[in-house]
Amino acid sequence: MTARRLKLTTILLGIVLAGLALLSWTQDWFHVVVASPQGGDLPLDVAGDVAGAPLSALALASLALFGALTIAGRVFRVVLGLLQVVLGASVVLTTATAVADPVRASGSAVTTATGVDGTDSIRAIVSSVEPTAWPWLGLVAGVLAAVLGLATVLFSGAWPEATRKYSATRLVSADPTADPAAAWDSLSGGDDPTDDGPRPGGGGSGPSDPGGTR
């Protein structure tokens, strides 16, 4: 794989992983059944924006990071790669915490639906919790994102340098007639940039006296 293709593949893969984490955040993570205080069972669908609220900010930060990688120099690639490792690890921590304790992760949704607050009180009324595949997708995306950040640190030194499309220096021709801007300045000052010197038959640029001197 060439260096240019390696860079492109890394950036595209990072964008895909951040998109998967963001997609996971928008879906249902848990199906919870609680005993309603009014009697009966109350089913609740707890989405990722409740159970894993920080995931959206982490995914958007990762998207911005890979956008910056397209123009970053060698040193900043290493810095951004390390930051991507941290972001990926944070995604893993967020999703793993929710999967490990789904009742706690679903607490705000249960409180909104039933009015019951407090971790112990919520645990007492939750009858069952069924996780979906979406938090696991977020967890896998976070692991791969952290690995990709580490790969960026190790291999980004071989990436091609970003080229500048425009130069900050403007080259101007020494001949004013060849430079439109210089010609315009000359006209503004009352000079004719096309005048190469004195006209033939006269020593100066003033009008000649055809009748001679009287």
N, C-alpha and C. Protein backbone atom coordinates (compact mmCIF):
# COMPACT_ATOMS: atom_id res chain seq x y z
N MET A 1 0.85 -1.20 0.00
CA MET A 1 0.00 0.00 0.00
C MET A 1 0.88 1.25 0.00
N THR A 2 0.59 2.18 -0.91
CA THR A 2 1.38 3.40 -0.99
C THR A 2 1.08 4.30 0.20
N ALA A 3 1.98 5.28 0.42
CA ALA A 3 1.82 6.18 1.56
C ALA A 3 0.55 7.02 1.41
N ARG A 4 0.26 7.47 0.19
CA ARG A 4 -0.94 8.27 -0.02
C ARG A 4 -2.21 7.44 0.25
N ARG A 5 -2.21 6.21 -0.22
CA ARG A 5 -3.38 5.35 0.01
C ARG A 5 -3.52 4.99 1.48
N LEU A 6 -2.41 4.81 2.17
CA LEU A 6 -2.46 4.53 3.61
C LEU A 6 -3.09 5.69 4.36
N LYS A 7 -2.72 6.90 4.00
CA LYS A 7 -3.30 8.09 4.64
C LYS A 7 -4.79 8.17 4.37
N LEU A 8 -5.18 7.99 3.11
CA LEU A 8 -6.59 8.07 2.75
C LEU A 8 -7.41 6.99 3.45
N THR A 9 -6.87 5.77 3.50
CA THR A 9 -7.59 4.67 4.15
C THR A 9 -7.77 4.94 5.65
N THR A 10 -6.73 5.45 6.29
CA THR A 10 -6.81 5.74 7.72
C THR A 10 -7.86 6.79 8.02
N ILE A 11 -7.88 7.85 7.23
CA ILE A 11 -8.84 8.93 7.46
C ILE A 11 -10.27 8.46 7.20
N LEU A 12 -10.47 7.73 6.11
CA LEU A 12 -11.81 7.24 5.80
C LEU A 12 -12.31 6.25 6.86
N LEU A 13 -11.41 5.37 7.33
CA LEU A 13 -11.80 4.42 8.36
C LEU A 13 -12.15 5.14 9.65
N GLY A 14 -11.40 6.17 9.99
CA GLY A 14 -11.72 6.94 11.20
C GLY A 14 -13.07 7.61 11.11
N ILE A 15 -13.40 8.15 9.93
CA ILE A 15 -14.70 8.79 9.74
C ILE A 15 -15.83 7.75 9.86
N VAL A 16 -15.61 6.56 9.29
CA VAL A 16 -16.63 5.50 9.37
C VAL A 16 -16.85 5.08 10.82
N LEU A 17 -15.79 4.90 11.57
CA LEU A 17 -15.92 4.48 12.97
C LEU A 17 -16.63 5.54 13.81
N ALA A 18 -16.30 6.80 13.57
CA ALA A 18 -16.99 7.87 14.30
C ALA A 18 -18.46 7.90 13.92
N GLY A 19 -18.76 7.65 12.65
CA GLY A 19 -20.16 7.59 12.22
C GLY A 19 -20.92 6.44 12.86
N LEU A 20 -20.25 5.29 13.01
CA LEU A 20 -20.90 4.15 13.66
C LEU A 20 -21.19 4.44 15.13
N ALA A 21 -20.24 5.09 15.80
CA ALA A 21 -20.48 5.45 17.20
C ALA A 21 -21.65 6.42 17.32
N LEU A 22 -21.72 7.38 16.40
CA LEU A 22 -22.83 8.34 16.42
C LEU A 22 -24.15 7.66 16.10
N LEU A 23 -24.13 6.72 15.17
CA LEU A 23 -25.34 5.96 14.84
C LEU A 23 -25.81 5.14 16.05
N SER A 24 -24.87 4.52 16.75
CA SER A 24 -25.22 3.75 17.94
C SER A 24 -25.90 4.64 18.98
N TRP A 25 -25.41 5.85 19.11
CA TRP A 25 -25.96 6.79 20.10
C TRP A 25 -27.42 7.13 19.81
N THR A 26 -27.82 7.08 18.54
CA THR A 26 -29.19 7.46 18.18
C THR A 26 -30.20 6.31 18.32
N GLN A 27 -29.73 5.10 18.59
CA GLN A 27 -30.61 3.94 18.63
C GLN A 27 -30.94 3.51 20.07
N ASP A 28 -31.91 2.56 20.18
CA ASP A 28 -32.29 2.03 21.50
C ASP A 28 -31.21 1.08 22.01
N TRP A 29 -30.81 1.27 23.25
CA TRP A 29 -29.78 0.42 23.86
C TRP A 29 -30.40 -0.66 24.74
N PHE A 30 -31.48 -0.31 25.44
CA PHE A 30 -32.07 -1.26 26.40
C PHE A 30 -33.59 -1.22 26.29
N HIS A 31 -34.18 -2.42 26.45
CA HIS A 31 -35.62 -2.53 26.63
C HIS A 31 -35.86 -2.86 28.10
N VAL A 32 -36.46 -1.92 28.81
CA VAL A 32 -36.62 -2.05 30.27
C VAL A 32 -38.11 -2.20 30.60
N VAL A 33 -38.40 -3.09 31.52
CA VAL A 33 -39.76 -3.26 32.02
C VAL A 33 -39.74 -2.91 33.50
N VAL A 34 -40.59 -1.96 33.88
CA VAL A 34 -40.65 -1.53 35.29
C VAL A 34 -42.06 -1.74 35.82
N ALA A 35 -42.15 -1.94 37.13
CA ALA A 35 -43.45 -2.05 37.80
C ALA A 35 -43.96 -0.64 38.08
N SER A 36 -45.00 -0.26 37.40
CA SER A 36 -45.54 1.09 37.54
C SER A 36 -46.15 1.28 38.93
N PRO A 37 -45.94 2.44 39.57
CA PRO A 37 -46.58 2.70 40.87
C PRO A 37 -48.10 2.65 40.80
N GLN A 38 -48.66 2.87 39.62
CA GLN A 38 -50.11 2.81 39.46
C GLN A 38 -50.60 1.39 39.22
N GLY A 39 -49.65 0.44 39.14
CA GLY A 39 -50.00 -0.95 38.91
C GLY A 39 -49.72 -1.38 37.49
N GLY A 40 -49.33 -2.61 37.32
CA GLY A 40 -49.01 -3.13 36.01
C GLY A 40 -47.56 -2.89 35.62
N ASP A 41 -47.19 -3.47 34.51
CA ASP A 41 -45.83 -3.32 34.01
C ASP A 41 -45.78 -2.23 32.94
N LEU A 42 -44.69 -1.49 32.94
CA LEU A 42 -44.51 -0.39 32.00
C LEU A 42 -43.24 -0.64 31.19
N PRO A 43 -43.37 -0.93 29.89
CA PRO A 43 -42.17 -1.14 29.07
C PRO A 43 -41.57 0.20 28.64
N LEU A 44 -40.26 0.27 28.66
CA LEU A 44 -39.54 1.48 28.27
C LEU A 44 -38.42 1.13 27.29
N ASP A 45 -38.24 1.96 26.30
CA ASP A 45 -37.10 1.85 25.40
C ASP A 45 -36.12 2.96 25.73
N VAL A 46 -34.92 2.56 26.14
CA VAL A 46 -33.91 3.53 26.57
C VAL A 46 -32.89 3.69 25.45
N ALA A 47 -32.82 4.87 24.88
CA ALA A 47 -31.92 5.13 23.75
C ALA A 47 -30.51 5.48 24.22
N GLY A 48 -29.60 5.49 23.26
CA GLY A 48 -28.21 5.79 23.57
C GLY A 48 -27.99 7.21 24.04
N ASP A 49 -28.86 8.14 23.64
CA ASP A 49 -28.68 9.51 24.11
C ASP A 49 -28.97 9.65 25.60
N VAL A 50 -29.61 8.63 26.19
CA VAL A 50 -29.83 8.60 27.63
C VAL A 50 -28.80 7.71 28.32
N ALA A 51 -28.63 6.50 27.81
CA ALA A 51 -27.73 5.55 28.46
C ALA A 51 -26.26 5.87 28.22
N GLY A 52 -25.94 6.48 27.08
CA GLY A 52 -24.55 6.83 26.77
C GLY A 52 -24.46 8.23 26.23
N ALA A 53 -24.91 9.19 27.01
CA ALA A 53 -25.01 10.58 26.56
C ALA A 53 -23.71 11.16 25.99
N PRO A 54 -22.53 10.91 26.58
CA PRO A 54 -21.31 11.54 26.06
C PRO A 54 -20.89 11.03 24.69
N LEU A 55 -21.51 9.99 24.18
CA LEU A 55 -21.05 9.35 22.96
C LEU A 55 -21.12 10.30 21.76
N SER A 56 -22.14 11.13 21.69
CA SER A 56 -22.27 12.02 20.54
C SER A 56 -21.12 13.03 20.48
N ALA A 57 -20.78 13.61 21.63
CA ALA A 57 -19.67 14.58 21.65
C ALA A 57 -18.35 13.91 21.28
N LEU A 58 -18.14 12.69 21.76
CA LEU A 58 -16.91 11.97 21.44
C LEU A 58 -16.83 11.64 19.95
N ALA A 59 -17.95 11.23 19.37
CA ALA A 59 -17.96 10.89 17.95
C ALA A 59 -17.73 12.13 17.09
N LEU A 60 -18.36 13.24 17.43
CA LEU A 60 -18.16 14.47 16.67
C LEU A 60 -16.73 14.98 16.79
N ALA A 61 -16.15 14.84 17.98
CA ALA A 61 -14.75 15.24 18.15
C ALA A 61 -13.84 14.38 17.29
N SER A 62 -14.14 13.10 17.18
CA SER A 62 -13.35 12.21 16.35
C SER A 62 -13.47 12.57 14.87
N LEU A 63 -14.67 12.94 14.44
CA LEU A 63 -14.86 13.38 13.06
C LEU A 63 -14.02 14.61 12.76
N ALA A 64 -14.05 15.59 13.66
CA ALA A 64 -13.25 16.80 13.47
C ALA A 64 -11.76 16.48 13.46
N LEU A 65 -11.35 15.53 14.29
CA LEU A 65 -9.94 15.15 14.37
C LEU A 65 -9.45 14.58 13.04
N PHE A 66 -10.22 13.70 12.44
CA PHE A 66 -9.79 13.11 11.17
C PHE A 66 -9.87 14.12 10.04
N GLY A 67 -10.75 15.11 10.17
CA GLY A 67 -10.73 16.20 9.20
C GLY A 67 -9.44 17.00 9.30
N ALA A 68 -8.99 17.25 10.55
CA ALA A 68 -7.74 17.98 10.74
C ALA A 68 -6.53 17.18 10.27
N LEU A 69 -6.61 15.88 10.33
CA LEU A 69 -5.49 15.04 9.90
C LEU A 69 -5.19 15.20 8.41
N THR A 70 -6.15 15.62 7.63
CA THR A 70 -5.93 15.76 6.19
C THR A 70 -4.91 16.84 5.88
N ILE A 71 -4.74 17.83 6.76
CA ILE A 71 -3.83 18.94 6.50
C ILE A 71 -2.74 19.06 7.56
N ALA A 72 -2.72 18.18 8.54
CA ALA A 72 -1.77 18.29 9.64
C ALA A 72 -0.37 17.89 9.20
N GLY A 73 0.63 18.54 9.81
CA GLY A 73 2.02 18.17 9.59
C GLY A 73 2.40 16.94 10.40
N ARG A 74 3.66 16.56 10.27
CA ARG A 74 4.10 15.29 10.88
C ARG A 74 3.94 15.30 12.40
N VAL A 75 4.34 16.39 13.05
CA VAL A 75 4.27 16.45 14.51
C VAL A 75 2.82 16.44 14.99
N PHE A 76 1.97 17.21 14.33
CA PHE A 76 0.57 17.28 14.75
C PHE A 76 -0.16 15.98 14.47
N ARG A 77 0.29 15.21 13.50
CA ARG A 77 -0.32 13.90 13.28
C ARG A 77 -0.15 13.01 14.50
N VAL A 78 1.03 13.05 15.09
CA VAL A 78 1.29 12.25 16.29
C VAL A 78 0.41 12.73 17.44
N VAL A 79 0.30 14.05 17.59
CA VAL A 79 -0.54 14.60 18.66
C VAL A 79 -2.00 14.20 18.46
N LEU A 80 -2.47 14.34 17.23
CA LEU A 80 -3.86 13.97 16.94
C LEU A 80 -4.09 12.48 17.07
N GLY A 81 -3.08 11.68 16.71
CA GLY A 81 -3.21 10.23 16.89
C GLY A 81 -3.36 9.85 18.36
N LEU A 82 -2.58 10.49 19.23
CA LEU A 82 -2.70 10.23 20.66
C LEU A 82 -4.06 10.67 21.19
N LEU A 83 -4.54 11.81 20.67
CA LEU A 83 -5.86 12.28 21.09
C LEU A 83 -6.95 11.31 20.63
N GLN A 84 -6.77 10.71 19.46
CA GLN A 84 -7.74 9.74 18.98
C GLN A 84 -7.75 8.49 19.86
N VAL A 85 -6.60 8.09 20.38
CA VAL A 85 -6.56 6.96 21.32
C VAL A 85 -7.40 7.28 22.55
N VAL A 86 -7.27 8.51 23.04
CA VAL A 86 -8.05 8.92 24.22
C VAL A 86 -9.54 8.93 23.90
N LEU A 87 -9.91 9.45 22.73
CA LEU A 87 -11.33 9.48 22.35
C LEU A 87 -11.90 8.08 22.20
N GLY A 88 -11.14 7.19 21.56
CA GLY A 88 -11.61 5.81 21.42
C GLY A 88 -11.77 5.13 22.76
N ALA A 89 -10.81 5.35 23.66
CA ALA A 89 -10.90 4.76 25.00
C ALA A 89 -12.11 5.33 25.76
N SER A 90 -12.42 6.59 25.54
CA SER A 90 -13.57 7.20 26.21
C SER A 90 -14.88 6.61 25.70
N VAL A 91 -14.94 6.32 24.39
CA VAL A 91 -16.12 5.66 23.84
C VAL A 91 -16.29 4.27 24.46
N VAL A 92 -15.18 3.54 24.58
CA VAL A 92 -15.23 2.21 25.19
C VAL A 92 -15.71 2.31 26.64
N LEU A 93 -15.17 3.26 27.38
CA LEU A 93 -15.57 3.42 28.78
C LEU A 93 -17.04 3.77 28.91
N THR A 94 -17.53 4.65 28.04
CA THR A 94 -18.94 5.06 28.11
C THR A 94 -19.88 3.88 27.84
N THR A 95 -19.61 3.14 26.77
CA THR A 95 -20.49 2.03 26.41
C THR A 95 -20.35 0.86 27.38
N ALA A 96 -19.12 0.57 27.81
CA ALA A 96 -18.92 -0.55 28.73
C ALA A 96 -19.58 -0.29 30.07
N THR A 97 -19.55 0.95 30.53
CA THR A 97 -20.20 1.30 31.80
C THR A 97 -21.72 1.10 31.70
N ALA A 98 -22.28 1.48 30.56
CA ALA A 98 -23.73 1.31 30.38
C ALA A 98 -24.11 -0.17 30.30
N VAL A 99 -23.33 -0.95 29.57
CA VAL A 99 -23.62 -2.38 29.43
C VAL A 99 -23.45 -3.11 30.76
N ALA A 100 -22.47 -2.69 31.56
CA ALA A 100 -22.21 -3.35 32.84
C ALA A 100 -23.32 -3.09 33.85
N ASP A 101 -23.94 -1.91 33.78
CA ASP A 101 -25.00 -1.58 34.73
C ASP A 101 -26.14 -0.88 33.98
N PRO A 102 -26.94 -1.65 33.24
CA PRO A 102 -27.99 -1.03 32.43
C PRO A 102 -29.08 -0.34 33.24
N VAL A 103 -29.34 -0.82 34.46
CA VAL A 103 -30.37 -0.17 35.29
C VAL A 103 -29.93 1.24 35.66
N ARG A 104 -28.69 1.39 36.04
CA ARG A 104 -28.18 2.71 36.38
C ARG A 104 -28.16 3.62 35.14
N ALA A 105 -27.76 3.04 33.98
CA ALA A 105 -27.72 3.83 32.76
C ALA A 105 -29.11 4.27 32.33
N SER A 106 -30.12 3.49 32.68
CA SER A 106 -31.50 3.80 32.30
C SER A 106 -32.23 4.61 33.36
N GLY A 107 -31.54 5.00 34.41
CA GLY A 107 -32.19 5.63 35.56
C GLY A 107 -33.00 6.86 35.21
N SER A 108 -32.46 7.77 34.39
CA SER A 108 -33.19 9.01 34.09
C SER A 108 -34.46 8.73 33.29
N ALA A 109 -34.41 7.73 32.40
CA ALA A 109 -35.62 7.38 31.64
C ALA A 109 -36.69 6.80 32.55
N VAL A 110 -36.28 5.97 33.52
CA VAL A 110 -37.23 5.38 34.46
C VAL A 110 -37.84 6.46 35.34
N THR A 111 -37.01 7.39 35.78
CA THR A 111 -37.51 8.48 36.62
C THR A 111 -38.51 9.34 35.87
N THR A 112 -38.22 9.63 34.60
CA THR A 112 -39.14 10.44 33.80
C THR A 112 -40.49 9.74 33.62
N ALA A 113 -40.45 8.43 33.44
CA ALA A 113 -41.69 7.68 33.17
C ALA A 113 -42.51 7.41 34.43
N THR A 114 -41.84 7.22 35.56
CA THR A 114 -42.56 6.79 36.77
C THR A 114 -42.53 7.81 37.90
N GLY A 115 -41.57 8.72 37.86
CA GLY A 115 -41.42 9.67 38.96
C GLY A 115 -40.61 9.12 40.10
N VAL A 116 -40.17 7.88 40.00
CA VAL A 116 -39.36 7.26 41.05
C VAL A 116 -37.91 7.67 40.86
N ASP A 117 -37.27 8.13 41.92
CA ASP A 117 -35.89 8.60 41.83
C ASP A 117 -35.04 7.83 42.84
N GLY A 118 -33.73 7.86 42.62
CA GLY A 118 -32.82 7.16 43.51
C GLY A 118 -32.47 5.79 42.94
N THR A 119 -31.18 5.47 42.95
CA THR A 119 -30.71 4.23 42.33
C THR A 119 -31.36 3.00 42.95
N ASP A 120 -31.40 2.95 44.27
CA ASP A 120 -31.97 1.78 44.94
C ASP A 120 -33.47 1.65 44.65
N SER A 121 -34.18 2.76 44.65
CA SER A 121 -35.63 2.72 44.39
C SER A 121 -35.90 2.29 42.95
N ILE A 122 -35.07 2.74 42.03
CA ILE A 122 -35.24 2.35 40.63
C ILE A 122 -34.98 0.86 40.45
N ARG A 123 -33.91 0.38 41.10
CA ARG A 123 -33.61 -1.07 41.00
C ARG A 123 -34.77 -1.91 41.54
N ALA A 124 -35.47 -1.39 42.53
CA ALA A 124 -36.55 -2.16 43.14
C ALA A 124 -37.75 -2.31 42.22
N ILE A 125 -37.95 -1.37 41.30
CA ILE A 125 -39.14 -1.46 40.44
C ILE A 125 -38.83 -1.99 39.04
N VAL A 126 -37.54 -2.16 38.71
CA VAL A 126 -37.19 -2.69 37.38
C VAL A 126 -37.39 -4.20 37.39
N SER A 127 -38.22 -4.67 36.51
CA SER A 127 -38.50 -6.11 36.44
C SER A 127 -37.50 -6.84 35.55
N SER A 128 -37.17 -6.25 34.43
CA SER A 128 -36.23 -6.88 33.51
C SER A 128 -35.57 -5.84 32.62
N VAL A 129 -34.38 -6.19 32.14
CA VAL A 129 -33.63 -5.32 31.22
C VAL A 129 -33.09 -6.20 30.10
N GLU A 130 -33.39 -5.82 28.87
CA GLU A 130 -32.89 -6.57 27.72
C GLU A 130 -32.05 -5.63 26.85
N PRO A 131 -30.74 -5.85 26.78
CA PRO A 131 -29.89 -4.99 25.94
C PRO A 131 -30.06 -5.32 24.46
N THR A 132 -29.86 -4.32 23.62
CA THR A 132 -29.87 -4.52 22.18
C THR A 132 -28.42 -4.65 21.69
N ALA A 133 -28.25 -4.73 20.38
CA ALA A 133 -26.90 -4.85 19.82
C ALA A 133 -26.22 -3.49 19.67
N TRP A 134 -26.96 -2.41 19.78
CA TRP A 134 -26.38 -1.10 19.50
C TRP A 134 -25.29 -0.67 20.48
N PRO A 135 -25.41 -0.87 21.78
CA PRO A 135 -24.28 -0.50 22.63
C PRO A 135 -23.04 -1.32 22.35
N TRP A 136 -23.22 -2.56 21.93
CA TRP A 136 -22.06 -3.38 21.57
C TRP A 136 -21.38 -2.86 20.30
N LEU A 137 -22.19 -2.35 19.39
CA LEU A 137 -21.60 -1.74 18.19
C LEU A 137 -20.76 -0.52 18.57
N GLY A 138 -21.29 0.29 19.47
CA GLY A 138 -20.52 1.44 19.94
C GLY A 138 -19.24 1.02 20.63
N LEU A 139 -19.31 -0.07 21.40
CA LEU A 139 -18.13 -0.56 22.09
C LEU A 139 -17.06 -1.02 21.10
N VAL A 140 -17.46 -1.77 20.08
CA VAL A 140 -16.51 -2.22 19.07
C VAL A 140 -15.92 -1.04 18.30
N ALA A 141 -16.78 -0.06 17.96
CA ALA A 141 -16.29 1.12 17.25
C ALA A 141 -15.26 1.87 18.09
N GLY A 142 -15.48 1.94 19.39
CA GLY A 142 -14.52 2.61 20.27
C GLY A 142 -13.19 1.89 20.34
N VAL A 143 -13.22 0.57 20.40
CA VAL A 143 -11.97 -0.21 20.44
C VAL A 143 -11.18 0.00 19.15
N LEU A 144 -11.88 -0.11 18.02
CA LEU A 144 -11.20 0.06 16.73
C LEU A 144 -10.69 1.49 16.55
N ALA A 145 -11.44 2.46 17.06
CA ALA A 145 -11.00 3.86 16.96
C ALA A 145 -9.72 4.09 17.76
N ALA A 146 -9.63 3.47 18.93
CA ALA A 146 -8.40 3.60 19.72
C ALA A 146 -7.22 2.93 19.02
N VAL A 147 -7.45 1.76 18.44
CA VAL A 147 -6.39 1.08 17.68
C VAL A 147 -5.97 1.91 16.49
N LEU A 148 -6.93 2.53 15.81
CA LEU A 148 -6.61 3.37 14.66
C LEU A 148 -5.79 4.59 15.08
N GLY A 149 -6.10 5.15 16.23
CA GLY A 149 -5.30 6.26 16.73
C GLY A 149 -3.87 5.85 16.99
N LEU A 150 -3.67 4.66 17.54
CA LEU A 150 -2.33 4.16 17.78
C LEU A 150 -1.60 3.92 16.45
N ALA A 151 -2.31 3.39 15.46
CA ALA A 151 -1.71 3.18 14.14
C ALA A 151 -1.31 4.51 13.51
N THR A 152 -2.10 5.54 13.75
CA THR A 152 -1.77 6.87 13.23
C THR A 152 -0.47 7.38 13.83
N VAL A 153 -0.29 7.18 15.12
CA VAL A 153 0.94 7.59 15.78
C VAL A 153 2.15 6.86 15.19
N LEU A 154 1.99 5.58 14.91
CA LEU A 154 3.12 4.76 14.47
C LEU A 154 3.46 4.95 12.99
N PHE A 155 2.45 5.17 12.15
CA PHE A 155 2.69 5.12 10.71
C PHE A 155 2.47 6.44 9.98
N SER A 156 2.00 7.47 10.67
CA SER A 156 1.71 8.72 9.96
C SER A 156 2.97 9.42 9.49
N GLY A 157 4.12 9.06 10.02
CA GLY A 157 5.37 9.66 9.55
C GLY A 157 5.65 9.35 8.10
N ALA A 158 5.09 8.26 7.60
CA ALA A 158 5.29 7.88 6.19
C ALA A 158 4.28 8.52 5.26
N TRP A 159 3.32 9.24 5.79
CA TRP A 159 2.32 9.87 4.94
C TRP A 159 2.94 10.99 4.11
N PRO A 160 2.42 11.28 2.93
CA PRO A 160 2.92 12.42 2.15
C PRO A 160 2.53 13.73 2.81
N GLU A 161 3.37 14.73 2.62
CA GLU A 161 3.09 16.03 3.19
C GLU A 161 1.99 16.71 2.40
N ALA A 162 1.18 17.50 3.12
CA ALA A 162 0.12 18.26 2.45
C ALA A 162 0.74 19.35 1.61
N THR A 163 0.25 19.55 0.38
CA THR A 163 0.76 20.57 -0.52
C THR A 163 -0.09 21.82 -0.42
N ARG A 164 0.55 22.97 -0.67
CA ARG A 164 -0.17 24.24 -0.64
C ARG A 164 -0.60 24.59 -2.05
N LYS A 165 -1.88 24.86 -2.19
CA LYS A 165 -2.40 25.17 -3.52
C LYS A 165 -1.99 26.55 -3.98
N TYR A 166 -1.91 27.45 -3.02
CA TYR A 166 -1.56 28.82 -3.37
C TYR A 166 -0.31 29.23 -2.61
N SER A 167 0.52 30.01 -3.26
CA SER A 167 1.74 30.51 -2.62
C SER A 167 1.46 31.89 -2.04
N ALA A 168 2.07 32.18 -0.90
CA ALA A 168 1.89 33.50 -0.28
C ALA A 168 2.70 34.57 -0.99
N THR A 169 3.69 34.19 -1.81
CA THR A 169 4.55 35.14 -2.52
C THR A 169 4.04 35.35 -3.92
N ARG A 170 3.90 36.60 -4.33
CA ARG A 170 3.46 36.92 -5.68
C ARG A 170 4.64 37.38 -6.50
N LEU A 171 4.92 36.70 -7.60
CA LEU A 171 6.03 37.04 -8.47
C LEU A 171 5.56 38.06 -9.49
N VAL A 172 6.25 39.19 -9.56
CA VAL A 172 5.88 40.27 -10.47
C VAL A 172 6.99 40.45 -11.48
N SER A 173 6.62 40.61 -12.75
CA SER A 173 7.60 40.80 -13.80
C SER A 173 8.28 42.15 -13.65
N ALA A 174 9.56 42.21 -14.02
CA ALA A 174 10.30 43.47 -13.95
C ALA A 174 9.84 44.45 -15.01
N ASP A 175 9.21 43.97 -16.07
CA ASP A 175 8.71 44.81 -17.15
C ASP A 175 7.31 45.28 -16.81
N PRO A 176 7.08 46.59 -16.57
CA PRO A 176 5.74 47.06 -16.17
C PRO A 176 4.68 46.73 -17.19
N THR A 177 5.07 46.70 -18.50
CA THR A 177 4.06 46.43 -19.52
C THR A 177 3.56 45.00 -19.47
N ALA A 178 4.34 44.10 -18.83
CA ALA A 178 3.94 42.70 -18.73
C ALA A 178 3.13 42.42 -17.49
N ASP A 179 3.03 43.41 -16.61
CA ASP A 179 2.27 43.24 -15.37
C ASP A 179 1.09 44.19 -15.37
N PRO A 180 -0.16 43.70 -15.48
CA PRO A 180 -1.32 44.60 -15.55
C PRO A 180 -1.44 45.53 -14.35
N ALA A 181 -1.10 45.04 -13.16
CA ALA A 181 -1.22 45.89 -11.97
C ALA A 181 -0.23 47.04 -12.02
N ALA A 182 1.01 46.77 -12.45
CA ALA A 182 2.02 47.82 -12.53
C ALA A 182 1.66 48.82 -13.62
N ALA A 183 1.10 48.33 -14.74
CA ALA A 183 0.68 49.23 -15.82
C ALA A 183 -0.43 50.16 -15.34
N TRP A 184 -1.35 49.64 -14.58
CA TRP A 184 -2.45 50.48 -14.06
C TRP A 184 -1.92 51.54 -13.11
N ASP A 185 -0.95 51.17 -12.26
CA ASP A 185 -0.36 52.15 -11.35
C ASP A 185 0.34 53.25 -12.12
N SER A 186 1.00 52.88 -13.22
CA SER A 186 1.70 53.88 -14.03
C SER A 186 0.71 54.84 -14.66
N LEU A 187 -0.39 54.33 -15.17
CA LEU A 187 -1.41 55.20 -15.75
C LEU A 187 -2.00 56.13 -14.71
N SER A 188 -2.20 55.63 -13.49
CA SER A 188 -2.75 56.46 -12.42
C SER A 188 -1.81 57.60 -12.08
N GLY A 189 -0.49 57.38 -12.24
CA GLY A 189 0.49 58.43 -11.95
C GLY A 189 0.74 59.36 -13.10
N GLY A 190 0.07 59.18 -14.25
CA GLY A 190 0.24 60.07 -15.39
C GLY A 190 1.29 59.63 -16.38
N ASP A 191 1.88 58.43 -16.17
CA ASP A 191 2.90 57.93 -17.07
C ASP A 191 2.29 56.95 -18.05
N ASP A 192 2.94 56.87 -19.23
CA ASP A 192 2.52 55.90 -20.24
C ASP A 192 3.48 54.72 -20.17
N PRO A 193 3.01 53.54 -19.65
CA PRO A 193 3.93 52.41 -19.49
C PRO A 193 4.39 51.83 -20.81
N THR A 194 3.73 52.23 -21.94
CA THR A 194 4.15 51.71 -23.25
C THR A 194 5.19 52.59 -23.91
N ASP A 195 5.51 53.75 -23.27
CA ASP A 195 6.49 54.67 -23.84
C ASP A 195 7.88 54.15 -23.53
N ASP A 196 8.63 53.71 -24.56
CA ASP A 196 9.96 53.12 -24.34
C ASP A 196 11.07 54.15 -24.28
N GLY A 197 10.82 55.38 -24.65
CA GLY A 197 11.89 56.39 -24.61
C GLY A 197 11.54 57.57 -25.48
N PRO A 198 12.52 58.46 -25.76
CA PRO A 198 12.26 59.65 -26.57
C PRO A 198 11.84 59.25 -27.98
N ARG A 199 10.95 60.05 -28.59
CA ARG A 199 10.53 59.80 -29.95
C ARG A 199 11.65 60.15 -30.94
N PRO A 200 11.72 59.53 -32.12
CA PRO A 200 12.74 59.83 -33.13
C PRO A 200 12.58 61.26 -33.63
N GLY A 201 13.75 61.93 -33.84
CA GLY A 201 13.74 63.29 -34.38
C GLY A 201 13.67 64.35 -33.33
N GLY A 202 13.67 63.99 -32.09
CA GLY A 202 13.60 64.98 -31.03
C GLY A 202 14.41 64.55 -29.85
N GLY A 203 14.94 65.46 -29.12
CA GLY A 203 15.74 65.11 -27.96
C GLY A 203 14.93 64.94 -26.73
N GLY A 204 13.68 65.33 -26.81
CA GLY A 204 12.85 65.23 -25.62
C GLY A 204 11.49 64.72 -25.99
N SER A 205 10.63 64.72 -25.05
CA SER A 205 9.29 64.22 -25.28
C SER A 205 8.30 65.32 -25.61
N GLY A 206 8.75 66.61 -25.65
CA GLY A 206 7.84 67.70 -25.91
C GLY A 206 7.58 67.84 -27.39
N PRO A 207 6.60 68.65 -27.83
CA PRO A 207 6.26 68.84 -29.24
C PRO A 207 7.34 69.61 -29.97
N SER A 208 7.64 69.28 -31.25
CA SER A 208 8.67 69.96 -32.03
C SER A 208 8.07 71.18 -32.73
N ASP A 209 8.94 72.15 -33.14
CA ASP A 209 8.51 73.39 -33.81
C ASP A 209 8.79 73.23 -35.29
N PRO A 210 7.78 72.91 -36.13
CA PRO A 210 8.04 72.67 -37.54
C PRO A 210 8.51 73.91 -38.27
N GLY A 211 8.24 75.14 -37.81
CA GLY A 211 8.62 76.35 -38.49
C GLY A 211 10.01 76.85 -38.16
N GLY A 212 10.68 76.18 -37.26
CA GLY A 212 12.01 76.63 -36.87
C GLY A 212 11.94 77.78 -35.90
N THR A 213 13.09 78.28 -35.49
CA THR A 213 13.16 79.39 -34.52
C THR A 213 13.21 80.69 -35.26
N ARG A 214 12.36 81.62 -34.87
CA ARG A 214 12.33 82.93 -35.48
C ARG A 214 13.21 83.90 -34.71
